[in-house]
N, C-alpha and C. Protein backbone atom coordinates (compact mmCIF):
# COMPACT_ATOMS: atom_id res chain seq x y z
N MET A 1 70.50 -3.71 9.65
CA MET A 1 69.38 -4.60 9.44
C MET A 1 68.38 -3.98 8.47
N ARG A 2 68.10 -2.68 8.66
CA ARG A 2 67.14 -2.00 7.79
C ARG A 2 67.58 -2.03 6.33
N SER A 3 68.86 -1.79 6.08
CA SER A 3 69.35 -1.75 4.70
C SER A 3 69.16 -3.10 4.02
N PHE A 4 69.16 -4.18 4.77
CA PHE A 4 68.93 -5.51 4.22
C PHE A 4 67.44 -5.75 3.96
N LEU A 5 66.59 -5.30 4.86
CA LEU A 5 65.16 -5.56 4.74
C LEU A 5 64.51 -4.82 3.58
N ILE A 6 64.95 -3.64 3.27
CA ILE A 6 64.31 -2.85 2.21
C ILE A 6 64.40 -3.56 0.85
N PRO A 7 65.59 -4.04 0.42
CA PRO A 7 65.62 -4.76 -0.87
C PRO A 7 64.81 -6.05 -0.85
N VAL A 8 64.83 -6.75 0.29
CA VAL A 8 64.07 -7.99 0.39
C VAL A 8 62.58 -7.70 0.26
N LEU A 9 62.09 -6.71 0.98
CA LEU A 9 60.68 -6.34 0.90
C LEU A 9 60.32 -5.85 -0.50
N ALA A 10 61.21 -5.08 -1.10
CA ALA A 10 60.97 -4.60 -2.47
C ALA A 10 60.87 -5.77 -3.43
N GLY A 11 61.69 -6.79 -3.22
CA GLY A 11 61.63 -7.99 -4.06
C GLY A 11 60.30 -8.70 -3.93
N PHE A 12 59.80 -8.83 -2.70
CA PHE A 12 58.50 -9.47 -2.48
C PHE A 12 57.39 -8.68 -3.15
N VAL A 13 57.43 -7.37 -3.01
CA VAL A 13 56.41 -6.52 -3.64
C VAL A 13 56.48 -6.65 -5.15
N SER A 14 57.69 -6.68 -5.69
CA SER A 14 57.87 -6.80 -7.14
C SER A 14 57.29 -8.12 -7.66
N VAL A 15 57.57 -9.22 -6.97
CA VAL A 15 57.03 -10.52 -7.38
C VAL A 15 55.52 -10.52 -7.30
N ALA A 16 54.96 -9.94 -6.24
CA ALA A 16 53.50 -9.88 -6.09
C ALA A 16 52.87 -9.06 -7.22
N LEU A 17 53.47 -7.93 -7.56
CA LEU A 17 52.94 -7.10 -8.65
C LEU A 17 53.05 -7.81 -9.99
N CYS A 18 54.16 -8.50 -10.22
CA CYS A 18 54.33 -9.25 -11.47
C CYS A 18 53.30 -10.38 -11.57
N ALA A 19 53.05 -11.05 -10.45
CA ALA A 19 52.05 -12.12 -10.45
C ALA A 19 50.67 -11.56 -10.77
N GLN A 20 50.33 -10.41 -10.19
CA GLN A 20 49.03 -9.78 -10.48
C GLN A 20 48.93 -9.39 -11.95
N GLU A 21 50.02 -8.88 -12.51
CA GLU A 21 50.04 -8.51 -13.92
C GLU A 21 49.85 -9.75 -14.80
N GLY A 22 50.53 -10.85 -14.42
CA GLY A 22 50.37 -12.11 -15.16
C GLY A 22 48.94 -12.62 -15.13
N LYS A 23 48.30 -12.50 -13.97
CA LYS A 23 46.90 -12.92 -13.85
C LYS A 23 45.99 -12.08 -14.73
N ALA A 24 46.24 -10.77 -14.74
CA ALA A 24 45.42 -9.88 -15.57
C ALA A 24 45.60 -10.23 -17.06
N GLN A 25 46.83 -10.53 -17.46
CA GLN A 25 47.09 -10.89 -18.86
C GLN A 25 46.43 -12.21 -19.21
N ALA A 26 46.50 -13.18 -18.31
CA ALA A 26 45.88 -14.49 -18.56
C ALA A 26 44.37 -14.35 -18.70
N GLN A 27 43.77 -13.61 -17.80
CA GLN A 27 42.32 -13.41 -17.86
C GLN A 27 41.92 -12.67 -19.14
N ALA A 28 42.70 -11.69 -19.51
CA ALA A 28 42.41 -10.92 -20.73
C ALA A 28 42.51 -11.82 -21.97
N LEU A 29 43.49 -12.73 -21.99
CA LEU A 29 43.63 -13.61 -23.15
C LEU A 29 42.45 -14.57 -23.27
N VAL A 30 41.98 -15.08 -22.13
CA VAL A 30 40.81 -15.96 -22.16
C VAL A 30 39.58 -15.19 -22.67
N LYS A 31 39.39 -13.99 -22.17
CA LYS A 31 38.23 -13.19 -22.60
C LYS A 31 38.34 -12.82 -24.08
N GLU A 32 39.56 -12.59 -24.56
CA GLU A 32 39.77 -12.33 -25.98
C GLU A 32 39.41 -13.58 -26.79
N GLY A 33 39.76 -14.74 -26.26
CA GLY A 33 39.41 -16.00 -26.92
C GLY A 33 37.91 -16.21 -27.00
N VAL A 34 37.20 -15.90 -25.92
CA VAL A 34 35.74 -16.02 -25.91
C VAL A 34 35.13 -15.07 -26.94
N ALA A 35 35.63 -13.85 -26.99
CA ALA A 35 35.12 -12.88 -27.98
C ALA A 35 35.39 -13.37 -29.40
N PHE A 36 36.57 -13.93 -29.64
CA PHE A 36 36.91 -14.48 -30.95
C PHE A 36 35.96 -15.63 -31.31
N LEU A 37 35.70 -16.49 -30.33
CA LEU A 37 34.78 -17.61 -30.53
C LEU A 37 33.39 -17.12 -30.94
N LYS A 38 32.89 -16.15 -30.23
CA LYS A 38 31.55 -15.64 -30.52
C LYS A 38 31.48 -14.92 -31.86
N ALA A 39 32.57 -14.27 -32.27
CA ALA A 39 32.58 -13.54 -33.54
C ALA A 39 32.87 -14.42 -34.74
N ASN A 40 33.69 -15.48 -34.54
CA ASN A 40 34.18 -16.25 -35.68
C ASN A 40 33.80 -17.73 -35.67
N GLY A 41 33.27 -18.21 -34.55
CA GLY A 41 32.88 -19.61 -34.45
C GLY A 41 33.96 -20.50 -33.85
N LYS A 42 33.51 -21.66 -33.42
CA LYS A 42 34.36 -22.62 -32.72
C LYS A 42 35.51 -23.11 -33.59
N ASP A 43 35.24 -23.49 -34.83
CA ASP A 43 36.29 -24.05 -35.69
C ASP A 43 37.43 -23.07 -35.92
N LYS A 44 37.11 -21.82 -36.17
CA LYS A 44 38.16 -20.82 -36.41
C LYS A 44 38.96 -20.55 -35.13
N LEU A 45 38.29 -20.53 -33.98
CA LEU A 45 39.01 -20.35 -32.73
C LEU A 45 40.00 -21.49 -32.51
N LEU A 46 39.54 -22.71 -32.67
CA LEU A 46 40.41 -23.86 -32.43
C LEU A 46 41.60 -23.88 -33.39
N MET A 47 41.36 -23.51 -34.65
CA MET A 47 42.46 -23.43 -35.61
C MET A 47 43.46 -22.36 -35.20
N GLU A 48 42.96 -21.24 -34.72
CA GLU A 48 43.83 -20.13 -34.32
C GLU A 48 44.67 -20.50 -33.10
N ILE A 49 44.10 -21.24 -32.16
CA ILE A 49 44.85 -21.68 -30.98
C ILE A 49 45.90 -22.71 -31.39
N GLN A 50 45.52 -23.62 -32.25
CA GLN A 50 46.37 -24.76 -32.58
C GLN A 50 47.55 -24.40 -33.47
N LYS A 51 47.38 -23.42 -34.36
CA LYS A 51 48.48 -23.13 -35.27
C LYS A 51 49.62 -22.41 -34.54
N GLY A 52 50.83 -22.73 -34.92
CA GLY A 52 52.02 -22.23 -34.25
C GLY A 52 52.16 -20.73 -34.22
N SER A 53 51.62 -20.05 -35.19
CA SER A 53 51.75 -18.59 -35.24
C SER A 53 50.46 -17.88 -34.85
N GLY A 54 49.51 -18.61 -34.33
CA GLY A 54 48.21 -18.03 -33.99
C GLY A 54 48.29 -17.02 -32.86
N ARG A 55 47.30 -16.19 -32.79
CA ARG A 55 47.28 -15.12 -31.78
C ARG A 55 47.12 -15.65 -30.36
N PHE A 56 46.71 -16.91 -30.21
CA PHE A 56 46.52 -17.50 -28.89
C PHE A 56 47.57 -18.56 -28.57
N HIS A 57 48.62 -18.61 -29.37
CA HIS A 57 49.70 -19.57 -29.21
C HIS A 57 50.81 -18.93 -28.38
N VAL A 58 51.54 -19.73 -27.64
CA VAL A 58 52.64 -19.21 -26.81
C VAL A 58 53.64 -18.47 -27.70
N LYS A 59 54.09 -17.32 -27.23
CA LYS A 59 55.03 -16.48 -27.98
C LYS A 59 56.41 -16.53 -27.32
N PRO A 60 57.47 -16.29 -28.07
CA PRO A 60 58.80 -16.24 -27.46
C PRO A 60 58.84 -15.21 -26.32
N GLY A 61 59.44 -15.62 -25.21
CA GLY A 61 59.54 -14.72 -24.06
C GLY A 61 58.32 -14.72 -23.16
N SER A 62 57.33 -15.53 -23.47
CA SER A 62 56.10 -15.59 -22.68
C SER A 62 55.72 -17.04 -22.43
N THR A 63 54.98 -17.27 -21.38
CA THR A 63 54.44 -18.61 -21.14
C THR A 63 52.92 -18.61 -21.27
N LEU A 64 52.34 -17.51 -21.74
CA LEU A 64 50.89 -17.41 -21.88
C LEU A 64 50.42 -17.99 -23.21
N TYR A 65 49.35 -18.77 -23.15
CA TYR A 65 48.71 -19.34 -24.33
C TYR A 65 47.32 -19.79 -23.92
N LEU A 66 46.47 -20.05 -24.90
CA LEU A 66 45.16 -20.61 -24.61
C LEU A 66 45.17 -22.12 -24.84
N ALA A 67 44.40 -22.78 -24.02
CA ALA A 67 44.08 -24.19 -24.21
C ALA A 67 42.57 -24.28 -24.24
N ALA A 68 42.05 -25.12 -25.13
CA ALA A 68 40.60 -25.30 -25.25
C ALA A 68 40.27 -26.78 -25.05
N TYR A 69 39.33 -27.03 -24.15
CA TYR A 69 38.89 -28.38 -23.83
C TYR A 69 37.38 -28.45 -23.98
N ASP A 70 36.87 -29.66 -24.22
CA ASP A 70 35.42 -29.81 -24.11
C ASP A 70 35.10 -30.08 -22.65
N VAL A 71 33.83 -30.13 -22.30
CA VAL A 71 33.45 -30.27 -20.89
C VAL A 71 33.74 -31.67 -20.33
N ASN A 72 34.14 -32.60 -21.19
CA ASN A 72 34.50 -33.94 -20.74
C ASN A 72 36.00 -34.13 -20.56
N GLY A 73 36.79 -33.07 -20.83
CA GLY A 73 38.23 -33.13 -20.61
C GLY A 73 39.07 -33.45 -21.83
N THR A 74 38.48 -33.45 -23.01
CA THR A 74 39.23 -33.73 -24.23
C THR A 74 39.81 -32.43 -24.79
N VAL A 75 41.08 -32.48 -25.17
CA VAL A 75 41.76 -31.31 -25.71
C VAL A 75 41.26 -31.03 -27.12
N LEU A 76 40.69 -29.83 -27.30
CA LEU A 76 40.22 -29.40 -28.61
C LEU A 76 41.29 -28.61 -29.35
N ALA A 77 42.13 -27.91 -28.60
CA ALA A 77 43.26 -27.15 -29.14
C ALA A 77 44.16 -26.78 -27.98
N HIS A 78 45.46 -26.67 -28.26
CA HIS A 78 46.41 -26.33 -27.20
C HIS A 78 47.50 -25.45 -27.78
N GLY A 79 47.61 -24.25 -27.25
CA GLY A 79 48.55 -23.27 -27.78
C GLY A 79 50.00 -23.49 -27.43
N ALA A 80 50.33 -24.51 -26.66
CA ALA A 80 51.72 -24.77 -26.31
C ALA A 80 52.17 -26.17 -26.69
N ASP A 81 51.22 -27.10 -26.86
CA ASP A 81 51.59 -28.49 -27.13
C ASP A 81 50.57 -29.13 -28.07
N ALA A 82 50.84 -29.03 -29.36
CA ALA A 82 49.93 -29.56 -30.38
C ALA A 82 49.73 -31.07 -30.26
N ALA A 83 50.67 -31.77 -29.64
CA ALA A 83 50.57 -33.22 -29.50
C ALA A 83 49.43 -33.64 -28.57
N LEU A 84 48.90 -32.72 -27.78
CA LEU A 84 47.81 -33.05 -26.86
C LEU A 84 46.45 -33.10 -27.54
N LEU A 85 46.36 -32.60 -28.75
CA LEU A 85 45.09 -32.54 -29.48
C LEU A 85 44.39 -33.91 -29.49
N GLY A 86 43.14 -33.93 -29.04
CA GLY A 86 42.33 -35.14 -29.05
C GLY A 86 42.46 -36.02 -27.83
N LEU A 87 43.41 -35.73 -26.95
CA LEU A 87 43.58 -36.56 -25.75
C LEU A 87 42.58 -36.15 -24.68
N ASN A 88 42.10 -37.14 -23.94
CA ASN A 88 41.26 -36.84 -22.78
C ASN A 88 42.19 -36.74 -21.58
N ARG A 89 42.20 -35.56 -20.94
CA ARG A 89 43.11 -35.28 -19.84
C ARG A 89 42.35 -34.99 -18.54
N LEU A 90 41.09 -35.41 -18.48
CA LEU A 90 40.24 -35.07 -17.35
C LEU A 90 40.87 -35.44 -16.01
N ASN A 91 41.52 -36.58 -15.92
CA ASN A 91 42.04 -37.07 -14.65
C ASN A 91 43.53 -36.83 -14.44
N VAL A 92 44.14 -35.98 -15.26
CA VAL A 92 45.55 -35.65 -15.10
C VAL A 92 45.75 -34.96 -13.75
N LYS A 93 46.86 -35.33 -13.08
CA LYS A 93 47.16 -34.76 -11.75
C LYS A 93 48.50 -34.04 -11.77
N ASP A 94 48.59 -33.02 -10.93
CA ASP A 94 49.88 -32.37 -10.73
C ASP A 94 50.66 -33.19 -9.69
N PRO A 95 51.89 -32.81 -9.35
CA PRO A 95 52.68 -33.61 -8.40
C PRO A 95 52.05 -33.76 -7.01
N ASP A 96 51.15 -32.86 -6.66
CA ASP A 96 50.48 -32.95 -5.36
C ASP A 96 49.16 -33.72 -5.44
N GLY A 97 48.86 -34.28 -6.61
CA GLY A 97 47.64 -35.05 -6.77
C GLY A 97 46.41 -34.23 -7.14
N VAL A 98 46.58 -32.96 -7.45
CA VAL A 98 45.47 -32.09 -7.82
C VAL A 98 45.04 -32.40 -9.26
N GLN A 99 43.78 -32.77 -9.43
CA GLN A 99 43.24 -33.02 -10.77
C GLN A 99 42.83 -31.68 -11.38
N TYR A 100 43.83 -30.97 -11.86
CA TYR A 100 43.62 -29.58 -12.25
C TYR A 100 42.77 -29.41 -13.50
N ILE A 101 42.77 -30.34 -14.41
CA ILE A 101 41.91 -30.21 -15.61
C ILE A 101 40.45 -30.28 -15.18
N LYS A 102 40.14 -31.23 -14.33
CA LYS A 102 38.79 -31.36 -13.81
C LYS A 102 38.36 -30.08 -13.09
N LEU A 103 39.27 -29.53 -12.29
CA LEU A 103 38.97 -28.29 -11.56
C LEU A 103 38.82 -27.10 -12.51
N GLN A 104 39.64 -27.06 -13.56
CA GLN A 104 39.55 -25.97 -14.53
C GLN A 104 38.21 -25.99 -15.26
N ILE A 105 37.77 -27.17 -15.62
CA ILE A 105 36.47 -27.28 -16.31
C ILE A 105 35.36 -26.80 -15.38
N ALA A 106 35.39 -27.26 -14.13
CA ALA A 106 34.35 -26.84 -13.17
C ALA A 106 34.39 -25.33 -12.93
N ALA A 107 35.59 -24.76 -12.80
CA ALA A 107 35.71 -23.32 -12.58
C ALA A 107 35.22 -22.55 -13.80
N GLY A 108 35.54 -23.05 -14.99
CA GLY A 108 35.14 -22.39 -16.22
C GLY A 108 33.63 -22.37 -16.42
N GLN A 109 32.94 -23.35 -15.86
CA GLN A 109 31.49 -23.44 -16.02
C GLN A 109 30.74 -22.56 -15.03
N LYS A 110 31.44 -22.00 -14.06
CA LYS A 110 30.79 -21.07 -13.13
C LYS A 110 30.54 -19.75 -13.84
N LYS A 111 29.51 -19.05 -13.42
CA LYS A 111 29.23 -17.73 -14.00
C LYS A 111 30.44 -16.82 -13.79
N GLY A 112 30.95 -16.28 -14.86
CA GLY A 112 32.13 -15.41 -14.79
C GLY A 112 33.45 -16.14 -14.76
N GLY A 113 33.41 -17.48 -14.80
CA GLY A 113 34.64 -18.26 -14.78
C GLY A 113 35.28 -18.30 -13.42
N GLY A 114 36.52 -18.76 -13.38
CA GLY A 114 37.21 -18.84 -12.11
C GLY A 114 38.67 -19.21 -12.27
N TRP A 115 39.37 -19.22 -11.14
CA TRP A 115 40.80 -19.50 -11.08
C TRP A 115 41.06 -20.85 -10.44
N VAL A 116 42.09 -21.55 -10.91
CA VAL A 116 42.50 -22.82 -10.35
C VAL A 116 44.01 -22.78 -10.14
N ASP A 117 44.46 -23.20 -8.96
CA ASP A 117 45.88 -23.26 -8.63
C ASP A 117 46.37 -24.70 -8.71
N PHE A 118 47.56 -24.89 -9.26
CA PHE A 118 48.17 -26.21 -9.40
C PHE A 118 49.65 -26.02 -9.67
N LYS A 119 50.37 -27.11 -9.86
CA LYS A 119 51.80 -27.04 -10.16
C LYS A 119 52.05 -27.62 -11.55
N ARG A 120 52.96 -26.96 -12.28
CA ARG A 120 53.36 -27.41 -13.63
C ARG A 120 54.84 -27.13 -13.81
N LEU A 121 55.43 -27.83 -14.75
CA LEU A 121 56.81 -27.57 -15.10
C LEU A 121 56.89 -26.26 -15.86
N ASN A 122 57.66 -25.31 -15.34
CA ASN A 122 57.84 -24.03 -16.02
C ASN A 122 58.88 -24.23 -17.12
N PRO A 123 58.52 -23.98 -18.37
CA PRO A 123 59.46 -24.22 -19.47
C PRO A 123 60.69 -23.30 -19.42
N ASP A 124 60.58 -22.16 -18.77
CA ASP A 124 61.72 -21.23 -18.67
C ASP A 124 62.73 -21.69 -17.62
N THR A 125 62.23 -22.08 -16.46
CA THR A 125 63.13 -22.44 -15.36
C THR A 125 63.41 -23.94 -15.30
N ARG A 126 62.59 -24.75 -15.99
CA ARG A 126 62.67 -26.22 -15.96
C ARG A 126 62.47 -26.75 -14.55
N LYS A 127 61.69 -25.99 -13.74
CA LYS A 127 61.37 -26.40 -12.37
C LYS A 127 59.86 -26.49 -12.23
N MET A 128 59.41 -27.35 -11.33
CA MET A 128 58.01 -27.44 -11.00
C MET A 128 57.65 -26.20 -10.19
N GLU A 129 56.64 -25.44 -10.65
CA GLU A 129 56.28 -24.19 -9.99
C GLU A 129 54.77 -24.07 -9.84
N GLU A 130 54.38 -23.20 -8.93
CA GLU A 130 52.97 -22.91 -8.74
C GLU A 130 52.46 -22.09 -9.91
N LYS A 131 51.28 -22.48 -10.39
CA LYS A 131 50.66 -21.80 -11.51
C LYS A 131 49.20 -21.57 -11.16
N THR A 132 48.63 -20.52 -11.70
CA THR A 132 47.20 -20.27 -11.54
C THR A 132 46.62 -20.06 -12.92
N SER A 133 45.44 -20.60 -13.14
CA SER A 133 44.84 -20.57 -14.47
C SER A 133 43.44 -20.00 -14.41
N TYR A 134 43.18 -19.05 -15.31
CA TYR A 134 41.82 -18.52 -15.42
C TYR A 134 41.08 -19.38 -16.44
N CYS A 135 39.85 -19.73 -16.13
CA CYS A 135 39.07 -20.66 -16.93
C CYS A 135 37.69 -20.08 -17.18
N LEU A 136 37.21 -20.23 -18.41
CA LEU A 136 35.88 -19.72 -18.76
C LEU A 136 35.30 -20.56 -19.89
N GLU A 137 34.05 -20.97 -19.75
CA GLU A 137 33.37 -21.78 -20.76
C GLU A 137 32.46 -20.91 -21.59
N ALA A 138 32.45 -21.16 -22.89
CA ALA A 138 31.53 -20.50 -23.81
C ALA A 138 31.22 -21.48 -24.94
N GLU A 139 29.96 -21.66 -25.20
CA GLU A 139 29.50 -22.50 -26.32
C GLU A 139 30.10 -23.90 -26.29
N GLY A 140 30.21 -24.46 -25.08
CA GLY A 140 30.71 -25.83 -24.94
C GLY A 140 32.21 -25.97 -24.98
N VAL A 141 32.93 -24.86 -25.07
CA VAL A 141 34.39 -24.86 -25.08
C VAL A 141 34.88 -24.20 -23.80
N VAL A 142 35.73 -24.90 -23.07
CA VAL A 142 36.31 -24.32 -21.86
C VAL A 142 37.72 -23.84 -22.21
N LEU A 143 37.94 -22.54 -22.06
CA LEU A 143 39.24 -21.95 -22.36
C LEU A 143 40.01 -21.72 -21.06
N PHE A 144 41.31 -22.03 -21.09
CA PHE A 144 42.19 -21.84 -19.94
C PHE A 144 43.38 -21.01 -20.39
N CYS A 145 43.88 -20.19 -19.48
CA CYS A 145 45.18 -19.55 -19.65
C CYS A 145 45.78 -19.39 -18.27
N GLY A 146 46.99 -19.90 -18.10
CA GLY A 146 47.63 -19.86 -16.79
C GLY A 146 48.88 -19.02 -16.77
N THR A 147 49.23 -18.60 -15.57
CA THR A 147 50.45 -17.83 -15.36
C THR A 147 51.17 -18.40 -14.14
N TYR A 148 52.48 -18.45 -14.24
CA TYR A 148 53.27 -18.91 -13.09
C TYR A 148 53.26 -17.82 -12.05
N LYS A 149 53.11 -18.21 -10.80
CA LYS A 149 53.00 -17.25 -9.72
C LYS A 149 54.31 -16.55 -9.41
N SER A 150 55.41 -17.07 -9.90
CA SER A 150 56.72 -16.52 -9.58
C SER A 150 57.07 -15.27 -10.37
N LYS A 151 56.41 -15.06 -11.51
CA LYS A 151 56.74 -13.90 -12.34
C LYS A 151 55.63 -13.59 -13.31
N ALA A 152 55.72 -12.44 -13.94
CA ALA A 152 54.78 -12.08 -14.99
C ALA A 152 55.17 -12.78 -16.26
N ASN A 153 54.24 -12.86 -17.18
CA ASN A 153 54.49 -13.53 -18.44
C ASN A 153 54.48 -12.53 -19.55
């Protein structure tokens, strides 16, 4: 029995550590985006997020990217889906009915930002999975970066 439990427990610990690493990376990317915004202005940040090769765009082998919304829920830039630009997504719901965009904006407007949990389709696994997103508002732009809870990004 013991020989079975050790690998199982090690797997749980590994997933938990990977999830923590993913959260740290997501938070760091949002803070990097805020710093870029303050140094270069809103227009340059949005262009950098939106362009396919930008530093805040999803990279091969990763699911991390920045999304930028205004406080009313309109997409200003999206590092994974350029087609969302200009859409108001304030009332979008996950499969459990969670209005995660609305929650992300509210969390981002809190001092120091905050985290929001919801479900999204993971592009790697093609399955609906739990995701957590760090959100932070600066100069009227709410930046989000999420990580799937199942693994690091």
